[in-house]
Amino acid sequence: MAYQIIKPLFGAPLLFVVVLLSSDVRVCAQSVPDPTVTEIVTKASEARKLYEQSFKDLLTTETKTFKIYDKKGSLKKTRTVRSTFMVYQSAEGRTDSVEFRNVITVDGKPVKDADVRAQ
């Protein structure tokens, strides 16, 4: 009896594969129209609102790596910049957020008067 239950389970997928392989299947890619300017602006506005909701009152240390290439496309120099990065609500009481970045080190070397500039 267990064989009768198992047999259809194994037989059905195999039959499906055989039918699929033996039939003439054509897949047509649907062309997606280019978005309109209005659609692009609307999506950008939605993304901006989501960013503002997600990243208000944020304080973090940010590390950015910049790669500088010569005219031939070979890597010439790599620079690493570490900053204090802050996003906060505007002091004017509006809903606008302000971003502030204070560079602390460049290539591991402290930036002169970084603490003074932050005040």
PDB file of N, CA and C in Angstrom:
ATOM      1  N   MET A   1       0.816  -1.190   0.000  1.00  0.00           N
ATOM      2  CA  MET A   1       0.000   0.000   0.000  1.00  0.00           C
ATOM      3  C   MET A   1       0.865   1.261   0.000  1.00  0.00           C
ATOM      4  N   ALA A   2       1.973   1.268   0.727  1.00  0.00           N
ATOM      5  CA  ALA A   2       2.863   2.420   0.726  1.00  0.00           C
ATOM      6  C   ALA A   2       3.414   2.664  -0.668  1.00  0.00           C
ATOM      7  N   TYR A   3       3.644   1.589  -1.435  1.00  0.00           N
ATOM      8  CA  TYR A   3       4.163   1.734  -2.786  1.00  0.00           C
ATOM      9  C   TYR A   3       3.154   2.467  -3.677  1.00  0.00           C
ATOM     10  N   GLN A   4       1.871   2.218  -3.505  1.00  0.00           N
ATOM     11  CA  GLN A   4       0.848   2.873  -4.314  1.00  0.00           C
ATOM     12  C   GLN A   4       0.791   4.370  -4.015  1.00  0.00           C
ATOM     13  N   ILE A   5       1.037   4.771  -2.775  1.00  0.00           N
ATOM     14  CA  ILE A   5       1.030   6.191  -2.429  1.00  0.00           C
ATOM     15  C   ILE A   5       2.271   6.874  -2.988  1.00  0.00           C
ATOM     16  N   ILE A   6       3.412   6.208  -2.886  1.00  0.00           N
ATOM     17  CA  ILE A   6       4.677   6.802  -3.337  1.00  0.00           C
ATOM     18  C   ILE A   6       4.753   6.848  -4.860  1.00  0.00           C
ATOM     19  N   LYS A   7       4.251   5.825  -5.533  1.00  0.00           N
ATOM     20  CA  LYS A   7       4.359   5.751  -6.987  1.00  0.00           C
ATOM     21  C   LYS A   7       3.789   6.986  -7.698  1.00  0.00           C
ATOM     22  N   PRO A   8       2.575   7.455  -7.376  1.00  0.00           N
ATOM     23  CA  PRO A   8       2.089   8.661  -8.057  1.00  0.00           C
ATOM     24  C   PRO A   8       2.919   9.902  -7.755  1.00  0.00           C
ATOM     25  N   LEU A   9       3.487   9.970  -6.541  1.00  0.00           N
ATOM     26  CA  LEU A   9       4.309  11.133  -6.215  1.00  0.00           C
ATOM     27  C   LEU A   9       5.550  11.199  -7.085  1.00  0.00           C
ATOM     28  N   PHE A  10       6.160  10.030  -7.321  1.00  0.00           N
ATOM     29  CA  PHE A  10       7.343  10.021  -8.173  1.00  0.00           C
ATOM     30  C   PHE A  10       6.974  10.073  -9.646  1.00  0.00           C
ATOM     31  N   GLY A  11       5.868   9.471 -10.022  1.00  0.00           N
ATOM     32  CA  GLY A  11       5.459   9.416 -11.416  1.00  0.00           C
ATOM     33  C   GLY A  11       4.999  10.751 -11.960  1.00  0.00           C
ATOM     34  N   ALA A  12       4.301  11.557 -11.168  1.00  0.00           N
ATOM     35  CA  ALA A  12       3.740  12.819 -11.643  1.00  0.00           C
ATOM     36  C   ALA A  12       4.805  13.830 -12.051  1.00  0.00           C
ATOM     37  N   PRO A  13       5.793  14.086 -11.216  1.00  0.00           N
ATOM     38  CA  PRO A  13       6.808  15.056 -11.669  1.00  0.00           C
ATOM     39  C   PRO A  13       7.567  14.584 -12.890  1.00  0.00           C
ATOM     40  N   LEU A  14       7.849  13.279 -12.963  1.00  0.00           N
ATOM     41  CA  LEU A  14       8.572  12.738 -14.103  1.00  0.00           C
ATOM     42  C   LEU A  14       7.737  12.899 -15.369  1.00  0.00           C
ATOM     43  N   LEU A  15       6.443  12.617 -15.279  1.00  0.00           N
ATOM     44  CA  LEU A  15       5.549  12.784 -16.409  1.00  0.00           C
ATOM     45  C   LEU A  15       5.495  14.245 -16.840  1.00  0.00           C
ATOM     46  N   PHE A  16       5.457  15.162 -15.896  1.00  0.00           N
ATOM     47  CA  PHE A  16       5.435  16.587 -16.187  1.00  0.00           C
ATOM     48  C   PHE A  16       6.695  16.997 -16.940  1.00  0.00           C
ATOM     49  N   VAL A  17       7.854  16.502 -16.502  1.00  0.00           N
ATOM     50  CA  VAL A  17       9.118  16.839 -17.158  1.00  0.00           C
ATOM     51  C   VAL A  17       9.135  16.291 -18.568  1.00  0.00           C
ATOM     52  N   VAL A  18       8.666  15.076 -18.761  1.00  0.00           N
ATOM     53  CA  VAL A  18       8.637  14.475 -20.090  1.00  0.00           C
ATOM     54  C   VAL A  18       7.710  15.266 -21.006  1.00  0.00           C
ATOM     55  N   VAL A  19       6.538  15.637 -20.520  1.00  0.00           N
ATOM     56  CA  VAL A  19       5.603  16.420 -21.325  1.00  0.00           C
ATOM     57  C   VAL A  19       6.206  17.786 -21.653  1.00  0.00           C
ATOM     58  N   LEU A  20       6.838  18.398 -20.670  1.00  0.00           N
ATOM     59  CA  LEU A  20       7.438  19.704 -20.876  1.00  0.00           C
ATOM     60  C   LEU A  20       8.555  19.645 -21.914  1.00  0.00           C
ATOM     61  N   LEU A  21       9.402  18.631 -21.835  1.00  0.00           N
ATOM     62  CA  LEU A  21      10.511  18.509 -22.772  1.00  0.00           C
ATOM     63  C   LEU A  21      10.037  18.158 -24.179  1.00  0.00           C
ATOM     64  N   SER A  22       8.943  17.419 -24.284  1.00  0.00           N
ATOM     65  CA  SER A  22       8.493  16.994 -25.597  1.00  0.00           C
ATOM     66  C   SER A  22       7.622  18.032 -26.291  1.00  0.00           C
ATOM     67  N   SER A  23       7.140  19.023 -25.557  1.00  0.00           N
ATOM     68  CA  SER A  23       6.295  20.028 -26.186  1.00  0.00           C
ATOM     69  C   SER A  23       7.137  21.215 -26.656  1.00  0.00           C
ATOM     70  N   ASP A  24       6.611  21.923 -27.595  1.00  0.00           N
ATOM     71  CA  ASP A  24       7.296  23.099 -28.138  1.00  0.00           C
ATOM     72  C   ASP A  24       6.947  24.294 -27.257  1.00  0.00           C
ATOM     73  N   VAL A  25       7.867  24.690 -26.392  1.00  0.00           N
ATOM     74  CA  VAL A  25       7.631  25.776 -25.448  1.00  0.00           C
ATOM     75  C   VAL A  25       8.395  26.998 -25.919  1.00  0.00           C
ATOM     76  N   ARG A  26       7.691  28.094 -26.060  1.00  0.00           N
ATOM     77  CA  ARG A  26       8.319  29.352 -26.443  1.00  0.00           C
ATOM     78  C   ARG A  26       8.047  30.377 -25.351  1.00  0.00           C
ATOM     79  N   VAL A  27       9.099  30.980 -24.875  1.00  0.00           N
ATOM     80  CA  VAL A  27       8.964  32.006 -23.854  1.00  0.00           C
ATOM     81  C   VAL A  27       9.287  33.343 -24.501  1.00  0.00           C
ATOM     82  N   CYS A  28       8.369  34.232 -24.400  1.00  0.00           N
ATOM     83  CA  CYS A  28       8.561  35.561 -24.982  1.00  0.00           C
ATOM     84  C   CYS A  28       8.777  36.555 -23.849  1.00  0.00           C
ATOM     85  N   ALA A  29       9.862  37.263 -23.910  1.00  0.00           N
ATOM     86  CA  ALA A  29      10.129  38.291 -22.900  1.00  0.00           C
ATOM     87  C   ALA A  29       9.229  39.483 -23.171  1.00  0.00           C
ATOM     88  N   GLN A  30       8.588  39.944 -22.119  1.00  0.00           N
ATOM     89  CA  GLN A  30       7.755  41.129 -22.265  1.00  0.00           C
ATOM     90  C   GLN A  30       8.639  42.361 -22.197  1.00  0.00           C
ATOM     91  N   SER A  31       8.413  43.273 -23.083  1.00  0.00           N
ATOM     92  CA  SER A  31       9.202  44.495 -23.025  1.00  0.00           C
ATOM     93  C   SER A  31       8.559  45.429 -21.995  1.00  0.00           C
ATOM     94  N   VAL A  32       9.389  45.943 -21.144  1.00  0.00           N
ATOM     95  CA  VAL A  32       8.925  46.861 -20.109  1.00  0.00           C
ATOM     96  C   VAL A  32       9.177  48.279 -20.611  1.00  0.00           C
ATOM     97  N   PRO A  33       8.131  49.095 -20.644  1.00  0.00           N
ATOM     98  CA  PRO A  33       8.327  50.465 -21.148  1.00  0.00           C
ATOM     99  C   PRO A  33       9.205  51.280 -20.199  1.00  0.00           C
ATOM    100  N   ASP A  34       9.957  52.200 -20.779  1.00  0.00           N
ATOM    101  CA  ASP A  34      10.782  53.094 -19.970  1.00  0.00           C
ATOM    102  C   ASP A  34       9.874  53.934 -19.077  1.00  0.00           C
ATOM    103  N   PRO A  35      10.307  54.168 -17.823  1.00  0.00           N
ATOM    104  CA  PRO A  35       9.472  54.989 -16.933  1.00  0.00           C
ATOM    105  C   PRO A  35       9.424  56.432 -17.426  1.00  0.00           C
ATOM    106  N   THR A  36       8.321  57.089 -17.126  1.00  0.00           N
ATOM    107  CA  THR A  36       8.185  58.500 -17.492  1.00  0.00           C
ATOM    108  C   THR A  36       8.941  59.346 -16.479  1.00  0.00           C
ATOM    109  N   VAL A  37       9.153  60.592 -16.817  1.00  0.00           N
ATOM    110  CA  VAL A  37       9.825  61.519 -15.907  1.00  0.00           C
ATOM    111  C   VAL A  37       9.027  61.638 -14.607  1.00  0.00           C
ATOM    112  N   THR A  38       7.721  61.687 -14.718  1.00  0.00           N
ATOM    113  CA  THR A  38       6.860  61.790 -13.531  1.00  0.00           C
ATOM    114  C   THR A  38       7.039  60.573 -12.628  1.00  0.00           C
ATOM    115  N   GLU A  39       7.110  59.378 -13.219  1.00  0.00           N
ATOM    116  CA  GLU A  39       7.313  58.157 -12.426  1.00  0.00           C
ATOM    117  C   GLU A  39       8.667  58.170 -11.725  1.00  0.00           C
ATOM    118  N   ILE A  40       9.690  58.627 -12.411  1.00  0.00           N
ATOM    119  CA  ILE A  40      11.034  58.693 -11.823  1.00  0.00           C
ATOM    120  C   ILE A  40      11.053  59.670 -10.652  1.00  0.00           C
ATOM    121  N   VAL A  41      10.459  60.841 -10.846  1.00  0.00           N
ATOM    122  CA  VAL A  41      10.426  61.858  -9.790  1.00  0.00           C
ATOM    123  C   VAL A  41       9.608  61.359  -8.597  1.00  0.00           C
ATOM    124  N   THR A  42       8.495  60.688  -8.860  1.00  0.00           N
ATOM    125  CA  THR A  42       7.661  60.157  -7.790  1.00  0.00           C
ATOM    126  C   THR A  42       8.425  59.121  -6.971  1.00  0.00           C
ATOM    127  N   LYS A  43       9.113  58.198  -7.639  1.00  0.00           N
ATOM    128  CA  LYS A  43       9.900  57.173  -6.941  1.00  0.00           C
ATOM    129  C   LYS A  43      11.030  57.805  -6.134  1.00  0.00           C
ATOM    130  N   ALA A  44      11.694  58.804  -6.697  1.00  0.00           N
ATOM    131  CA  ALA A  44      12.780  59.487  -5.986  1.00  0.00           C
ATOM    132  C   ALA A  44      12.240  60.199  -4.749  1.00  0.00           C
ATOM    133  N   SER A  45      11.088  60.806  -4.866  1.00  0.00           N
ATOM    134  CA  SER A  45      10.466  61.491  -3.726  1.00  0.00           C
ATOM    135  C   SER A  45      10.104  60.503  -2.622  1.00  0.00           C
ATOM    136  N   GLU A  46       9.568  59.345  -3.016  1.00  0.00           N
ATOM    137  CA  GLU A  46       9.231  58.309  -2.032  1.00  0.00           C
ATOM    138  C   GLU A  46      10.485  57.796  -1.332  1.00  0.00           C
ATOM    139  N   ALA A  47      11.559  57.596  -2.091  1.00  0.00           N
ATOM    140  CA  ALA A  47      12.819  57.119  -1.510  1.00  0.00           C
ATOM    141  C   ALA A  47      13.396  58.152  -0.543  1.00  0.00           C
ATOM    142  N   ARG A  48      13.283  59.433  -0.900  1.00  0.00           N
ATOM    143  CA  ARG A  48      13.763  60.510  -0.024  1.00  0.00           C
ATOM    144  C   ARG A  48      13.001  60.529   1.292  1.00  0.00           C
ATOM    145  N   LYS A  49      11.684  60.381   1.219  1.00  0.00           N
ATOM    146  CA  LYS A  49      10.867  60.365   2.438  1.00  0.00           C
ATOM    147  C   LYS A  49      11.239  59.192   3.327  1.00  0.00           C
ATOM    148  N   LEU A  50      11.458  58.028   2.726  1.00  0.00           N
ATOM    149  CA  LEU A  50      11.854  56.845   3.498  1.00  0.00           C
ATOM    150  C   LEU A  50      13.214  57.068   4.163  1.00  0.00           C
ATOM    151  N   TYR A  51      14.152  57.674   3.427  1.00  0.00           N
ATOM    152  CA  TYR A  51      15.470  57.992   3.986  1.00  0.00           C
ATOM    153  C   TYR A  51      15.327  58.931   5.178  1.00  0.00           C
ATOM    154  N   GLU A  52      14.529  59.973   5.027  1.00  0.00           N
ATOM    155  CA  GLU A  52      14.361  60.952   6.101  1.00  0.00           C
ATOM    156  C   GLU A  52      13.724  60.330   7.339  1.00  0.00           C
ATOM    157  N   GLN A  53      12.778  59.424   7.143  1.00  0.00           N
ATOM    158  CA  GLN A  53      12.138  58.759   8.280  1.00  0.00           C
ATOM    159  C   GLN A  53      13.099  57.792   8.970  1.00  0.00           C
ATOM    160  N   SER A  54      13.933  57.127   8.194  1.00  0.00           N
ATOM    161  CA  SER A  54      14.827  56.096   8.731  1.00  0.00           C
ATOM    162  C   SER A  54      16.081  56.668   9.373  1.00  0.00           C
ATOM    163  N   PHE A  55      16.575  57.788   8.868  1.00  0.00           N
ATOM    164  CA  PHE A  55      17.868  58.293   9.302  1.00  0.00           C
ATOM    165  C   PHE A  55      17.797  59.668   9.944  1.00  0.00           C
ATOM    166  N   LYS A  56      16.870  59.882  10.837  1.00  0.00           N
ATOM    167  CA  LYS A  56      16.869  61.142  11.578  1.00  0.00           C
ATOM    168  C   LYS A  56      17.442  60.863  12.959  1.00  0.00           C
ATOM    169  N   ASP A  57      18.123  61.857  13.505  1.00  0.00           N
ATOM    170  CA  ASP A  57      18.774  61.723  14.813  1.00  0.00           C
ATOM    171  C   ASP A  57      19.746  60.545  14.824  1.00  0.00           C
ATOM    172  N   LEU A  58      20.699  60.588  13.913  1.00  0.00           N
ATOM    173  CA  LEU A  58      21.677  59.518  13.730  1.00  0.00           C
ATOM    174  C   LEU A  58      23.074  60.058  13.991  1.00  0.00           C
ATOM    175  N   LEU A  59      23.876  59.304  14.724  1.00  0.00           N
ATOM    176  CA  LEU A  59      25.279  59.643  14.949  1.00  0.00           C
ATOM    177  C   LEU A  59      26.088  58.377  14.765  1.00  0.00           C
ATOM    178  N   THR A  60      27.099  58.423  13.898  1.00  0.00           N
ATOM    179  CA  THR A  60      27.906  57.242  13.636  1.00  0.00           C
ATOM    180  C   THR A  60      29.297  57.642  13.173  1.00  0.00           C
ATOM    181  N   THR A  61      30.186  56.686  13.150  1.00  0.00           N
ATOM    182  CA  THR A  61      31.503  56.874  12.552  1.00  0.00           C
ATOM    183  C   THR A  61      31.434  56.265  11.155  1.00  0.00           C
ATOM    184  N   GLU A  62      31.838  57.050  10.177  1.00  0.00           N
ATOM    185  CA  GLU A  62      31.752  56.624   8.779  1.00  0.00           C
ATOM    186  C   GLU A  62      33.164  56.448   8.232  1.00  0.00           C
ATOM    187  N   THR A  63      33.391  55.385   7.513  1.00  0.00           N
ATOM    188  CA  THR A  63      34.664  55.160   6.841  1.00  0.00           C
ATOM    189  C   THR A  63      34.397  55.032   5.350  1.00  0.00           C
ATOM    190  N   LYS A  64      35.069  55.875   4.569  1.00  0.00           N
ATOM    191  CA  LYS A  64      34.938  55.839   3.111  1.00  0.00           C
ATOM    192  C   LYS A  64      36.306  55.554   2.511  1.00  0.00           C
ATOM    193  N   THR A  65      36.310  54.731   1.492  1.00  0.00           N
ATOM    194  CA  THR A  65      37.538  54.435   0.775  1.00  0.00           C
ATOM    195  C   THR A  65      37.400  54.989  -0.646  1.00  0.00           C
ATOM    196  N   PHE A  66      38.350  55.814  -1.035  1.00  0.00           N
ATOM    197  CA  PHE A  66      38.364  56.409  -2.371  1.00  0.00           C
ATOM    198  C   PHE A  66      39.504  55.772  -3.158  1.00  0.00           C
ATOM    199  N   LYS A  67      39.204  55.337  -4.366  1.00  0.00           N
ATOM    200  CA  LYS A  67      40.233  54.764  -5.236  1.00  0.00           C
ATOM    201  C   LYS A  67      40.478  55.744  -6.368  1.00  0.00           C
ATOM    202  N   ILE A  68      41.725  56.096  -6.565  1.00  0.00           N
ATOM    203  CA  ILE A  68      42.112  57.070  -7.578  1.00  0.00           C
ATOM    204  C   ILE A  68      42.874  56.318  -8.672  1.00  0.00           C
ATOM    205  N   TYR A  69      42.426  56.504  -9.918  1.00  0.00           N
ATOM    206  CA  TYR A  69      43.011  55.784 -11.047  1.00  0.00           C
ATOM    207  C   TYR A  69      43.748  56.752 -11.967  1.00  0.00           C
ATOM    208  N   ASP A  70      44.780  56.243 -12.638  1.00  0.00           N
ATOM    209  CA  ASP A  70      45.481  57.074 -13.613  1.00  0.00           C
ATOM    210  C   ASP A  70      44.735  57.028 -14.947  1.00  0.00           C
ATOM    211  N   LYS A  71      45.274  57.695 -15.954  1.00  0.00           N
ATOM    212  CA  LYS A  71      44.600  57.788 -17.246  1.00  0.00           C
ATOM    213  C   LYS A  71      44.467  56.436 -17.943  1.00  0.00           C
ATOM    214  N   LYS A  72      45.329  55.486 -17.600  1.00  0.00           N
ATOM    215  CA  LYS A  72      45.285  54.154 -18.212  1.00  0.00           C
ATOM    216  C   LYS A  72      44.308  53.223 -17.496  1.00  0.00           C
ATOM    217  N   GLY A  73      43.752  53.679 -16.385  1.00  0.00           N
ATOM    218  CA  GLY A  73      42.799  52.865 -15.640  1.00  0.00           C
ATOM    219  C   GLY A  73      43.414  52.023 -14.545  1.00  0.00           C
ATOM    220  N   SER A  74      44.712  52.216 -14.308  1.00  0.00           N
ATOM    221  CA  SER A  74      45.381  51.476 -13.237  1.00  0.00           C
ATOM    222  C   SER A  74      45.199  52.210 -11.914  1.00  0.00           C
ATOM    223  N   LEU A  75      45.087  51.443 -10.849  1.00  0.00           N
ATOM    224  CA  LEU A  75      44.923  52.036  -9.530  1.00  0.00           C
ATOM    225  C   LEU A  75      46.182  52.795  -9.157  1.00  0.00           C
ATOM    226  N   LYS A  76      46.020  54.075  -8.892  1.00  0.00           N
ATOM    227  CA  LYS A  76      47.146  54.947  -8.566  1.00  0.00           C
ATOM    228  C   LYS A  76      47.287  55.095  -7.055  1.00  0.00           C
ATOM    229  N   LYS A  77      46.151  55.308  -6.374  1.00  0.00           N
ATOM    230  CA  LYS A  77      46.202  55.577  -4.944  1.00  0.00           C
ATOM    231  C   LYS A  77      44.868  55.206  -4.311  1.00  0.00           C
ATOM    232  N   THR A  78      44.924  54.774  -3.074  1.00  0.00           N
ATOM    233  CA  THR A  78      43.716  54.519  -2.289  1.00  0.00           C
ATOM    234  C   THR A  78      43.767  55.417  -1.063  1.00  0.00           C
ATOM    235  N   ARG A  79      42.670  56.107  -0.802  1.00  0.00           N
ATOM    236  CA  ARG A  79      42.585  56.989   0.371  1.00  0.00           C
ATOM    237  C   ARG A  79      41.441  56.507   1.238  1.00  0.00           C
ATOM    238  N   THR A  80      41.679  56.475   2.535  1.00  0.00           N
ATOM    239  CA  THR A  80      40.650  56.090   3.486  1.00  0.00           C
ATOM    240  C   THR A  80      40.373  57.281   4.385  1.00  0.00           C
ATOM    241  N   VAL A  81      39.102  57.684   4.432  1.00  0.00           N
ATOM    242  CA  VAL A  81      38.687  58.854   5.209  1.00  0.00           C
ATOM    243  C   VAL A  81      37.718  58.384   6.288  1.00  0.00           C
ATOM    244  N   ARG A  82      38.023  58.722   7.529  1.00  0.00           N
ATOM    245  CA  ARG A  82      37.139  58.391   8.647  1.00  0.00           C
ATOM    246  C   ARG A  82      36.523  59.680   9.165  1.00  0.00           C
ATOM    247  N   SER A  83      35.208  59.660   9.366  1.00  0.00           N
ATOM    248  CA  SER A  83      34.480  60.865   9.779  1.00  0.00           C
ATOM    249  C   SER A  83      33.473  60.532  10.862  1.00  0.00           C
ATOM    250  N   THR A  84      33.095  61.573  11.587  1.00  0.00           N
ATOM    251  CA  THR A  84      31.913  61.497  12.425  1.00  0.00           C
ATOM    252  C   THR A  84      30.781  61.996  11.543  1.00  0.00           C
ATOM    253  N   PHE A  85      29.743  61.201  11.430  1.00  0.00           N
ATOM    254  CA  PHE A  85      28.627  61.555  10.554  1.00  0.00           C
ATOM    255  C   PHE A  85      27.369  61.663  11.397  1.00  0.00           C
ATOM    256  N   MET A  86      26.653  62.781  11.223  1.00  0.00           N
ATOM    257  CA  MET A  86      25.476  63.035  12.041  1.00  0.00           C
ATOM    258  C   MET A  86      24.337  63.526  11.145  1.00  0.00           C
ATOM    259  N   VAL A  87      23.145  63.023  11.422  1.00  0.00           N
ATOM    260  CA  VAL A  87      21.925  63.517  10.785  1.00  0.00           C
ATOM    261  C   VAL A  87      21.019  63.959  11.920  1.00  0.00           C
ATOM    262  N   TYR A  88      20.549  65.200  11.849  1.00  0.00           N
ATOM    263  CA  TYR A  88      19.715  65.716  12.934  1.00  0.00           C
ATOM    264  C   TYR A  88      18.638  66.635  12.377  1.00  0.00           C
ATOM    265  N   GLN A  89      17.609  66.858  13.176  1.00  0.00           N
ATOM    266  CA  GLN A  89      16.500  67.733  12.781  1.00  0.00           C
ATOM    267  C   GLN A  89      16.980  69.180  12.748  1.00  0.00           C
ATOM    268  N   SER A  90      16.477  69.939  11.830  1.00  0.00           N
ATOM    269  CA  SER A  90      16.829  71.342  11.693  1.00  0.00           C
ATOM    270  C   SER A  90      16.460  72.105  12.970  1.00  0.00           C
ATOM    271  N   ALA A  91      17.320  73.026  13.367  1.00  0.00           N
ATOM    272  CA  ALA A  91      17.081  73.830  14.571  1.00  0.00           C
ATOM    273  C   ALA A  91      15.909  74.786  14.389  1.00  0.00           C
ATOM    274  N   GLU A  92      15.507  75.013  13.166  1.00  0.00           N
ATOM    275  CA  GLU A  92      14.412  75.933  12.885  1.00  0.00           C
ATOM    276  C   GLU A  92      13.052  75.299  13.145  1.00  0.00           C
ATOM    277  N   GLY A  93      13.046  74.051  13.630  1.00  0.00           N
ATOM    278  CA  GLY A  93      11.794  73.394  13.977  1.00  0.00           C
ATOM    279  C   GLY A  93      11.046  72.809  12.796  1.00  0.00           C
ATOM    280  N   ARG A  94      11.629  72.914  11.623  1.00  0.00           N
ATOM    281  CA  ARG A  94      10.976  72.325  10.455  1.00  0.00           C
ATOM    282  C   ARG A  94      11.226  70.820  10.455  1.00  0.00           C
ATOM    283  N   THR A  95      10.616  70.141   9.530  1.00  0.00           N
ATOM    284  CA  THR A  95      10.797  68.693   9.444  1.00  0.00           C
ATOM    285  C   THR A  95      12.054  68.321   8.669  1.00  0.00           C
ATOM    286  N   ASP A  96      12.774  69.333   8.177  1.00  0.00           N
ATOM    287  CA  ASP A  96      13.998  69.060   7.415  1.00  0.00           C
ATOM    288  C   ASP A  96      15.073  68.477   8.305  1.00  0.00           C
ATOM    289  N   SER A  97      15.867  67.591   7.735  1.00  0.00           N
ATOM    290  CA  SER A  97      17.024  67.038   8.434  1.00  0.00           C
ATOM    291  C   SER A  97      18.281  67.658   7.850  1.00  0.00           C
ATOM    292  N   VAL A  98      19.304  67.721   8.666  1.00  0.00           N
ATOM    293  CA  VAL A  98      20.586  68.275   8.253  1.00  0.00           C
ATOM    294  C   VAL A  98      21.635  67.181   8.430  1.00  0.00           C
ATOM    295  N   GLU A  99      22.533  67.062   7.452  1.00  0.00           N
ATOM    296  CA  GLU A  99      23.639  66.111   7.560  1.00  0.00           C
ATOM    297  C   GLU A  99      24.923  66.881   7.846  1.00  0.00           C
ATOM    298  N   PHE A 100      25.715  66.337   8.762  1.00  0.00           N
ATOM    299  CA  PHE A 100      26.994  66.955   9.102  1.00  0.00           C
ATOM    300  C   PHE A 100      28.052  65.867   9.131  1.00  0.00           C
ATOM    301  N   ARG A 101      29.169  66.129   8.471  1.00  0.00           N
ATOM    302  CA  ARG A 101      30.273  65.178   8.417  1.00  0.00           C
ATOM    303  C   ARG A 101      31.531  65.912   8.839  1.00  0.00           C
ATOM    304  N   ASN A 102      32.202  65.392   9.868  1.00  0.00           N
ATOM    305  CA  ASN A 102      33.448  65.977  10.340  1.00  0.00           C
ATOM    306  C   ASN A 102      34.559  64.949  10.145  1.00  0.00           C
ATOM    307  N   VAL A 103      35.483  65.241   9.229  1.00  0.00           N
ATOM    308  CA  VAL A 103      36.577  64.312   8.929  1.00  0.00           C
ATOM    309  C   VAL A 103      37.545  64.269  10.106  1.00  0.00           C
ATOM    310  N   ILE A 104      37.828  63.055  10.578  1.00  0.00           N
ATOM    311  CA  ILE A 104      38.714  62.864  11.736  1.00  0.00           C
ATOM    312  C   ILE A 104      40.107  62.431  11.294  1.00  0.00           C
ATOM    313  N   THR A 105      40.155  61.453  10.367  1.00  0.00           N
ATOM    314  CA  THR A 105      41.446  60.974   9.873  1.00  0.00           C
ATOM    315  C   THR A 105      41.403  60.786   8.367  1.00  0.00           C
ATOM    316  N   VAL A 106      42.574  60.934   7.741  1.00  0.00           N
ATOM    317  CA  VAL A 106      42.750  60.625   6.326  1.00  0.00           C
ATOM    318  C   VAL A 106      43.945  59.689   6.244  1.00  0.00           C
ATOM    319  N   ASP A 107      43.723  58.519   5.695  1.00  0.00           N
ATOM    320  CA  ASP A 107      44.756  57.483   5.603  1.00  0.00           C
ATOM    321  C   ASP A 107      45.368  57.170   6.971  1.00  0.00           C
ATOM    322  N   GLY A 108      44.535  57.179   8.003  1.00  0.00           N
ATOM    323  CA  GLY A 108      44.978  56.839   9.353  1.00  0.00           C
ATOM    324  C   GLY A 108      45.662  57.959  10.107  1.00  0.00           C
ATOM    325  N   LYS A 109      45.874  59.087   9.463  1.00  0.00           N
ATOM    326  CA  LYS A 109      46.535  60.222  10.111  1.00  0.00           C
ATOM    327  C   LYS A 109      45.473  61.219  10.579  1.00  0.00           C
ATOM    328  N   PRO A 110      45.564  61.673  11.833  1.00  0.00           N
ATOM    329  CA  PRO A 110      44.578  62.627  12.342  1.00  0.00           C
ATOM    330  C   PRO A 110      44.587  63.938  11.566  1.00  0.00           C
ATOM    331  N   VAL A 111      43.402  64.482  11.366  1.00  0.00           N
ATOM    332  CA  VAL A 111      43.255  65.776  10.687  1.00  0.00           C
ATOM    333  C   VAL A 111      43.435  66.856  11.756  1.00  0.00           C
ATOM    334  N   LYS A 112      44.275  67.825  11.464  1.00  0.00           N
ATOM    335  CA  LYS A 112      44.566  68.906  12.402  1.00  0.00           C
ATOM    336  C   LYS A 112      43.285  69.686  12.751  1.00  0.00           C
ATOM    337  N   ASP A 113      43.069  69.942  14.022  1.00  0.00           N
ATOM    338  CA  ASP A 113      41.955  70.722  14.534  1.00  0.00           C
ATOM    339  C   ASP A 113      40.575  70.162  14.176  1.00  0.00           C
ATOM    340  N   ALA A 114      40.467  68.852  14.020  1.00  0.00           N
ATOM    341  CA  ALA A 114      39.176  68.246  13.702  1.00  0.00           C
ATOM    342  C   ALA A 114      38.161  68.499  14.819  1.00  0.00           C
ATOM    343  N   ASP A 115      38.631  68.468  16.042  1.00  0.00           N
ATOM    344  CA  ASP A 115      37.731  68.699  17.171  1.00  0.00           C
ATOM    345  C   ASP A 115      37.254  70.157  17.223  1.00  0.00           C
ATOM    346  N   VAL A 116      38.111  71.091  16.832  1.00  0.00           N
ATOM    347  CA  VAL A 116      37.750  72.514  16.826  1.00  0.00           C
ATOM    348  C   VAL A 116      36.721  72.779  15.738  1.00  0.00           C
ATOM    349  N   ARG A 117      36.901  72.164  14.568  1.00  0.00           N
ATOM    350  CA  ARG A 117      35.962  72.372  13.458  1.00  0.00           C
ATOM    351  C   ARG A 117      34.581  71.840  13.803  1.00  0.00           C
ATOM    352  N   ALA A 118      34.513  70.828  14.649  1.00  0.00           N
ATOM    353  CA  ALA A 118      33.235  70.210  14.998  1.00  0.00           C
ATOM    354  C   ALA A 118      32.398  71.094  15.915  1.00  0.00           C
ATOM    355  N   GLN A 119      33.015  72.094  16.523  1.00  0.00           N
ATOM    356  CA  GLN A 119      32.275  72.940  17.464  1.00  0.00           C
ATOM    357  C   GLN A 119      31.561  73.984  16.739  1.00  0.00           C
TER     358      GLN A 119
END
